[in-house]
Amino acid sequence: VIIAGSVAGALAYVTNDLANSMKDRGT
């Protein structure tokens, strides 16, 4: 459960970073 939580947190961070980059590029 701890490993899965860590992986999910890392994926959430990467997804959020990617979404912000796409928003900036679109602007």
PDB file of all heavy atoms in Angstrom:
ATOM      1  N   VAL A   1       0.839  -1.204   0.000  1.00  0.00           N
ATOM      2  CA  VAL A   1       0.000   0.000   0.000  1.00  0.00           C
ATOM      3  C   VAL A   1       0.876   1.258   0.000  1.00  0.00           C
ATOM      4  O   VAL A   1       0.595   2.221  -0.722  1.00  0.00           O
ATOM      5  CB  VAL A   1      -0.972  -0.012   1.205  1.00  0.00           C
ATOM      6  CG1 VAL A   1      -1.649   1.331   1.391  1.00  0.00           C
ATOM      7  CG2 VAL A   1      -2.016  -1.101   1.024  1.00  0.00           C
ATOM      8  N   ILE A   2       1.947   1.271   0.765  1.00  0.00           N
ATOM      9  CA  ILE A   2       2.854   2.426   0.799  1.00  0.00           C
ATOM     10  C   ILE A   2       3.493   2.635  -0.568  1.00  0.00           C
ATOM     11  O   ILE A   2       3.559   3.763  -1.079  1.00  0.00           O
ATOM     12  CB  ILE A   2       3.926   2.242   1.899  1.00  0.00           C
ATOM     13  CG1 ILE A   2       3.273   2.358   3.277  1.00  0.00           C
ATOM     14  CG2 ILE A   2       5.050   3.251   1.746  1.00  0.00           C
ATOM     15  CD1 ILE A   2       4.189   2.000   4.436  1.00  0.00           C
ATOM     16  N   ILE A   3       3.971   1.562  -1.200  1.00  0.00           N
ATOM     17  CA  ILE A   3       4.585   1.677  -2.529  1.00  0.00           C
ATOM     18  C   ILE A   3       3.559   2.173  -3.547  1.00  0.00           C
ATOM     19  O   ILE A   3       3.845   3.058  -4.350  1.00  0.00           O
ATOM     20  CB  ILE A   3       5.213   0.328  -2.949  1.00  0.00           C
ATOM     21  CG1 ILE A   3       6.430   0.037  -2.071  1.00  0.00           C
ATOM     22  CG2 ILE A   3       5.595   0.339  -4.431  1.00  0.00           C
ATOM     23  CD1 ILE A   3       7.024  -1.350  -2.280  1.00  0.00           C
ATOM     24  N   ALA A   4       2.351   1.612  -3.512  1.00  0.00           N
ATOM     25  CA  ALA A   4       1.299   2.043  -4.448  1.00  0.00           C
ATOM     26  C   ALA A   4       0.965   3.516  -4.230  1.00  0.00           C
ATOM     27  O   ALA A   4       0.769   4.272  -5.196  1.00  0.00           O
ATOM     28  CB  ALA A   4       0.062   1.182  -4.287  1.00  0.00           C
ATOM     29  N   GLY A   5       0.904   3.952  -2.976  1.00  0.00           N
ATOM     30  CA  GLY A   5       0.638   5.364  -2.686  1.00  0.00           C
ATOM     31  C   GLY A   5       1.736   6.270  -3.215  1.00  0.00           C
ATOM     32  O   GLY A   5       1.476   7.344  -3.754  1.00  0.00           O
ATOM     33  N   SER A   6       2.992   5.826  -3.072  1.00  0.00           N
ATOM     34  CA  SER A   6       4.122   6.605  -3.584  1.00  0.00           C
ATOM     35  C   SER A   6       4.067   6.717  -5.108  1.00  0.00           C
ATOM     36  O   SER A   6       4.277   7.789  -5.676  1.00  0.00           O
ATOM     37  CB  SER A   6       5.449   5.970  -3.178  1.00  0.00           C
ATOM     38  OG  SER A   6       5.565   5.950  -1.771  1.00  0.00           O
ATOM     39  N   VAL A   7       3.781   5.616  -5.769  1.00  0.00           N
ATOM     40  CA  VAL A   7       3.687   5.619  -7.235  1.00  0.00           C
ATOM     41  C   VAL A   7       2.528   6.518  -7.678  1.00  0.00           C
ATOM     42  O   VAL A   7       2.667   7.312  -8.608  1.00  0.00           O
ATOM     43  CB  VAL A   7       3.528   4.182  -7.774  1.00  0.00           C
ATOM     44  CG1 VAL A   7       3.160   4.183  -9.249  1.00  0.00           C
ATOM     45  CG2 VAL A   7       4.809   3.394  -7.553  1.00  0.00           C
ATOM     46  N   ALA A   8       1.395   6.420  -7.009  1.00  0.00           N
ATOM     47  CA  ALA A   8       0.244   7.257  -7.360  1.00  0.00           C
ATOM     48  C   ALA A   8       0.573   8.739  -7.151  1.00  0.00           C
ATOM     49  O   ALA A   8       0.208   9.587  -7.974  1.00  0.00           O
ATOM     50  CB  ALA A   8      -0.972   6.856  -6.521  1.00  0.00           C
ATOM     51  N   GLY A   9       1.275   9.062  -6.075  1.00  0.00           N
ATOM     52  CA  GLY A   9       1.673  10.456  -5.835  1.00  0.00           C
ATOM     53  C   GLY A   9       2.608  10.968  -6.918  1.00  0.00           C
ATOM     54  O   GLY A   9       2.467  12.085  -7.406  1.00  0.00           O
ATOM     55  N   ALA A  10       3.571  10.134  -7.297  1.00  0.00           N
ATOM     56  CA  ALA A  10       4.505  10.530  -8.356  1.00  0.00           C
ATOM     57  C   ALA A  10       3.772  10.717  -9.674  1.00  0.00           C
ATOM     58  O   ALA A  10       4.011  11.681 -10.408  1.00  0.00           O
ATOM     59  CB  ALA A  10       5.608   9.489  -8.504  1.00  0.00           C
ATOM     60  N   LEU A  11       2.860   9.824 -10.002  1.00  0.00           N
ATOM     61  CA  LEU A  11       2.083   9.957 -11.239  1.00  0.00           C
ATOM     62  C   LEU A  11       1.206  11.203 -11.209  1.00  0.00           C
ATOM     63  O   LEU A  11       1.071  11.892 -12.227  1.00  0.00           O
ATOM     64  CB  LEU A  11       1.232   8.712 -11.471  1.00  0.00           C
ATOM     65  CG  LEU A  11       1.989   7.465 -11.935  1.00  0.00           C
ATOM     66  CD1 LEU A  11       1.049   6.268 -12.026  1.00  0.00           C
ATOM     67  CD2 LEU A  11       2.655   7.709 -13.279  1.00  0.00           C
ATOM     68  N   ALA A  12       0.623  11.507 -10.074  1.00  0.00           N
ATOM     69  CA  ALA A  12      -0.202  12.714  -9.952  1.00  0.00           C
ATOM     70  C   ALA A  12       0.654  13.966 -10.167  1.00  0.00           C
ATOM     71  O   ALA A  12       0.234  14.899 -10.858  1.00  0.00           O
ATOM     72  CB  ALA A  12      -0.885  12.759  -8.589  1.00  0.00           C
ATOM     73  N   TYR A  13       1.851  13.982  -9.615  1.00  0.00           N
ATOM     74  CA  TYR A  13       2.757  15.131  -9.789  1.00  0.00           C
ATOM     75  C   TYR A  13       3.135  15.295 -11.260  1.00  0.00           C
ATOM     76  O   TYR A  13       3.084  16.389 -11.813  1.00  0.00           O
ATOM     77  CB  TYR A  13       4.012  14.953  -8.931  1.00  0.00           C
ATOM     78  CG  TYR A  13       5.039  16.027  -9.173  1.00  0.00           C
ATOM     79  CD1 TYR A  13       4.890  17.297  -8.625  1.00  0.00           C
ATOM     80  CD2 TYR A  13       6.138  15.794  -9.991  1.00  0.00           C
ATOM     81  CE1 TYR A  13       5.811  18.303  -8.864  1.00  0.00           C
ATOM     82  CE2 TYR A  13       7.070  16.788 -10.240  1.00  0.00           C
ATOM     83  CZ  TYR A  13       6.900  18.041  -9.673  1.00  0.00           C
ATOM     84  OH  TYR A  13       7.804  19.024  -9.915  1.00  0.00           O
ATOM     85  N   VAL A  14       3.523  14.202 -11.906  1.00  0.00           N
ATOM     86  CA  VAL A  14       3.934  14.251 -13.312  1.00  0.00           C
ATOM     87  C   VAL A  14       2.750  14.694 -14.187  1.00  0.00           C
ATOM     88  O   VAL A  14       2.898  15.518 -15.087  1.00  0.00           O
ATOM     89  CB  VAL A  14       4.499  12.888 -13.764  1.00  0.00           C
ATOM     90  CG1 VAL A  14       4.646  12.824 -15.274  1.00  0.00           C
ATOM     91  CG2 VAL A  14       5.825  12.620 -13.086  1.00  0.00           C
ATOM     92  N   THR A  15       1.577  14.155 -13.916  1.00  0.00           N
ATOM     93  CA  THR A  15       0.381  14.526 -14.685  1.00  0.00           C
ATOM     94  C   THR A  15       0.059  16.002 -14.511  1.00  0.00           C
ATOM     95  O   THR A  15      -0.243  16.694 -15.481  1.00  0.00           O
ATOM     96  CB  THR A  15      -0.817  13.655 -14.254  1.00  0.00           C
ATOM     97  OG1 THR A  15      -0.476  12.280 -14.434  1.00  0.00           O
ATOM     98  CG2 THR A  15      -2.051  13.985 -15.056  1.00  0.00           C
ATOM     99  N   ASN A  16       0.128  16.496 -13.299  1.00  0.00           N
ATOM    100  CA  ASN A  16      -0.132  17.909 -13.027  1.00  0.00           C
ATOM    101  C   ASN A  16       0.901  18.800 -13.722  1.00  0.00           C
ATOM    102  O   ASN A  16       0.553  19.817 -14.316  1.00  0.00           O
ATOM    103  CB  ASN A  16      -0.130  18.161 -11.516  1.00  0.00           C
ATOM    104  CG  ASN A  16      -0.603  19.546 -11.171  1.00  0.00           C
ATOM    105  OD1 ASN A  16      -1.521  20.068 -11.793  1.00  0.00           O
ATOM    106  ND2 ASN A  16       0.030  20.155 -10.187  1.00  0.00           N
ATOM    107  N   ASP A  17       2.168  18.404 -13.667  1.00  0.00           N
ATOM    108  CA  ASP A  17       3.228  19.159 -14.327  1.00  0.00           C
ATOM    109  C   ASP A  17       3.018  19.182 -15.843  1.00  0.00           C
ATOM    110  O   ASP A  17       3.161  20.222 -16.492  1.00  0.00           O
ATOM    111  CB  ASP A  17       4.588  18.550 -13.980  1.00  0.00           C
ATOM    112  CG  ASP A  17       5.752  19.404 -14.458  1.00  0.00           C
ATOM    113  OD1 ASP A  17       5.703  20.633 -14.245  1.00  0.00           O
ATOM    114  OD2 ASP A  17       6.702  18.835 -15.027  1.00  0.00           O
ATOM    115  N   LEU A  18       2.650  18.057 -16.413  1.00  0.00           N
ATOM    116  CA  LEU A  18       2.383  17.963 -17.844  1.00  0.00           C
ATOM    117  C   LEU A  18       1.185  18.832 -18.229  1.00  0.00           C
ATOM    118  O   LEU A  18       1.230  19.551 -19.236  1.00  0.00           O
ATOM    119  CB  LEU A  18       2.142  16.500 -18.236  1.00  0.00           C
ATOM    120  CG  LEU A  18       1.898  16.211 -19.701  1.00  0.00           C
ATOM    121  CD1 LEU A  18       3.109  16.622 -20.526  1.00  0.00           C
ATOM    122  CD2 LEU A  18       1.611  14.736 -19.907  1.00  0.00           C
ATOM    123  N   ALA A  19       0.137  18.804 -17.425  1.00  0.00           N
ATOM    124  CA  ALA A  19      -1.046  19.621 -17.709  1.00  0.00           C
ATOM    125  C   ALA A  19      -0.712  21.117 -17.660  1.00  0.00           C
ATOM    126  O   ALA A  19      -1.150  21.886 -18.520  1.00  0.00           O
ATOM    127  CB  ALA A  19      -2.162  19.288 -16.716  1.00  0.00           C
ATOM    128  N   ASN A  20       0.082  21.528 -16.675  1.00  0.00           N
ATOM    129  CA  ASN A  20       0.484  22.944 -16.590  1.00  0.00           C
ATOM    130  C   ASN A  20       1.353  23.348 -17.776  1.00  0.00           C
ATOM    131  O   ASN A  20       1.200  24.447 -18.313  1.00  0.00           O
ATOM    132  CB  ASN A  20       1.223  23.210 -15.275  1.00  0.00           C
ATOM    133  CG  ASN A  20       0.299  23.225 -14.083  1.00  0.00           C
ATOM    134  OD1 ASN A  20      -0.901  23.452 -14.222  1.00  0.00           O
ATOM    135  ND2 ASN A  20       0.844  22.951 -12.914  1.00  0.00           N
ATOM    136  N   SER A  21       2.253  22.471 -18.201  1.00  0.00           N
ATOM    137  CA  SER A  21       3.093  22.761 -19.363  1.00  0.00           C
ATOM    138  C   SER A  21       2.247  22.905 -20.622  1.00  0.00           C
ATOM    139  O   SER A  21       2.487  23.798 -21.437  1.00  0.00           O
ATOM    140  CB  SER A  21       4.129  21.659 -19.571  1.00  0.00           C
ATOM    141  OG  SER A  21       5.025  21.629 -18.491  1.00  0.00           O
ATOM    142  N   MET A  22       1.261  22.040 -20.788  1.00  0.00           N
ATOM    143  CA  MET A  22       0.378  22.122 -21.957  1.00  0.00           C
ATOM    144  C   MET A  22      -0.442  23.405 -21.928  1.00  0.00           C
ATOM    145  O   MET A  22      -0.643  24.048 -22.967  1.00  0.00           O
ATOM    146  CB  MET A  22      -0.527  20.893 -22.021  1.00  0.00           C
ATOM    147  CG  MET A  22       0.218  19.629 -22.380  1.00  0.00           C
ATOM    148  SD  MET A  22      -0.783  18.142 -22.308  1.00  0.00           S
ATOM    149  CE  MET A  22      -1.980  18.465 -23.566  1.00  0.00           C
ATOM    150  N   LYS A  23      -0.881  23.801 -20.751  1.00  0.00           N
ATOM    151  CA  LYS A  23      -1.649  25.047 -20.620  1.00  0.00           C
ATOM    152  C   LYS A  23      -0.779  26.247 -20.994  1.00  0.00           C
ATOM    153  O   LYS A  23      -1.211  27.126 -21.751  1.00  0.00           O
ATOM    154  CB  LYS A  23      -2.154  25.190 -19.185  1.00  0.00           C
ATOM    155  CG  LYS A  23      -2.908  26.456 -18.913  1.00  0.00           C
ATOM    156  CD  LYS A  23      -3.301  26.552 -17.450  1.00  0.00           C
ATOM    157  CE  LYS A  23      -3.804  27.937 -17.132  1.00  0.00           C
ATOM    158  NZ  LYS A  23      -3.930  28.162 -15.708  1.00  0.00           N
ATOM    159  N   ASP A  24       0.457  26.294 -20.485  1.00  0.00           N
ATOM    160  CA  ASP A  24       1.375  27.389 -20.809  1.00  0.00           C
ATOM    161  C   ASP A  24       1.673  27.422 -22.299  1.00  0.00           C
ATOM    162  O   ASP A  24       1.687  28.484 -22.918  1.00  0.00           O
ATOM    163  CB  ASP A  24       2.685  27.252 -20.020  1.00  0.00           C
ATOM    164  CG  ASP A  24       2.491  27.462 -18.532  1.00  0.00           C
ATOM    165  OD1 ASP A  24       1.429  27.984 -18.133  1.00  0.00           O
ATOM    166  OD2 ASP A  24       3.401  27.084 -17.769  1.00  0.00           O
ATOM    167  N   ARG A  25       1.911  26.280 -22.898  1.00  0.00           N
ATOM    168  CA  ARG A  25       2.201  26.199 -24.333  1.00  0.00           C
ATOM    169  C   ARG A  25       0.988  26.654 -25.147  1.00  0.00           C
ATOM    170  O   ARG A  25       1.135  27.354 -26.138  1.00  0.00           O
ATOM    171  CB  ARG A  25       2.583  24.764 -24.690  1.00  0.00           C
ATOM    172  CG  ARG A  25       2.923  24.553 -26.112  1.00  0.00           C
ATOM    173  CD  ARG A  25       4.328  24.966 -26.388  1.00  0.00           C
ATOM    174  NE  ARG A  25       4.677  24.498 -27.707  1.00  0.00           N
ATOM    175  CZ  ARG A  25       5.604  25.020 -28.429  1.00  0.00           C
ATOM    176  NH1 ARG A  25       6.316  26.016 -27.964  1.00  0.00           N
ATOM    177  NH2 ARG A  25       5.873  24.562 -29.602  1.00  0.00           N
ATOM    178  N   GLY A  26      -0.206  26.275 -24.724  1.00  0.00           N
ATOM    179  CA  GLY A  26      -1.423  26.704 -25.404  1.00  0.00           C
ATOM    180  C   GLY A  26      -1.612  28.209 -25.325  1.00  0.00           C
ATOM    181  O   GLY A  26      -2.007  28.847 -26.309  1.00  0.00           O
ATOM    182  N   THR A  27      -1.302  28.791 -24.173  1.00  0.00           N
ATOM    183  CA  THR A  27      -1.396  30.249 -24.014  1.00  0.00           C
ATOM    184  C   THR A  27      -0.403  30.952 -24.926  1.00  0.00           C
ATOM    185  O   THR A  27      -0.750  31.941 -25.584  1.00  0.00           O
ATOM    186  CB  THR A  27      -1.145  30.636 -22.547  1.00  0.00           C
ATOM    187  OG1 THR A  27      -2.110  29.990 -21.719  1.00  0.00           O
ATOM    188  CG2 THR A  27      -1.229  32.129 -22.339  1.00  0.00           C
TER     189      THR A  27
END
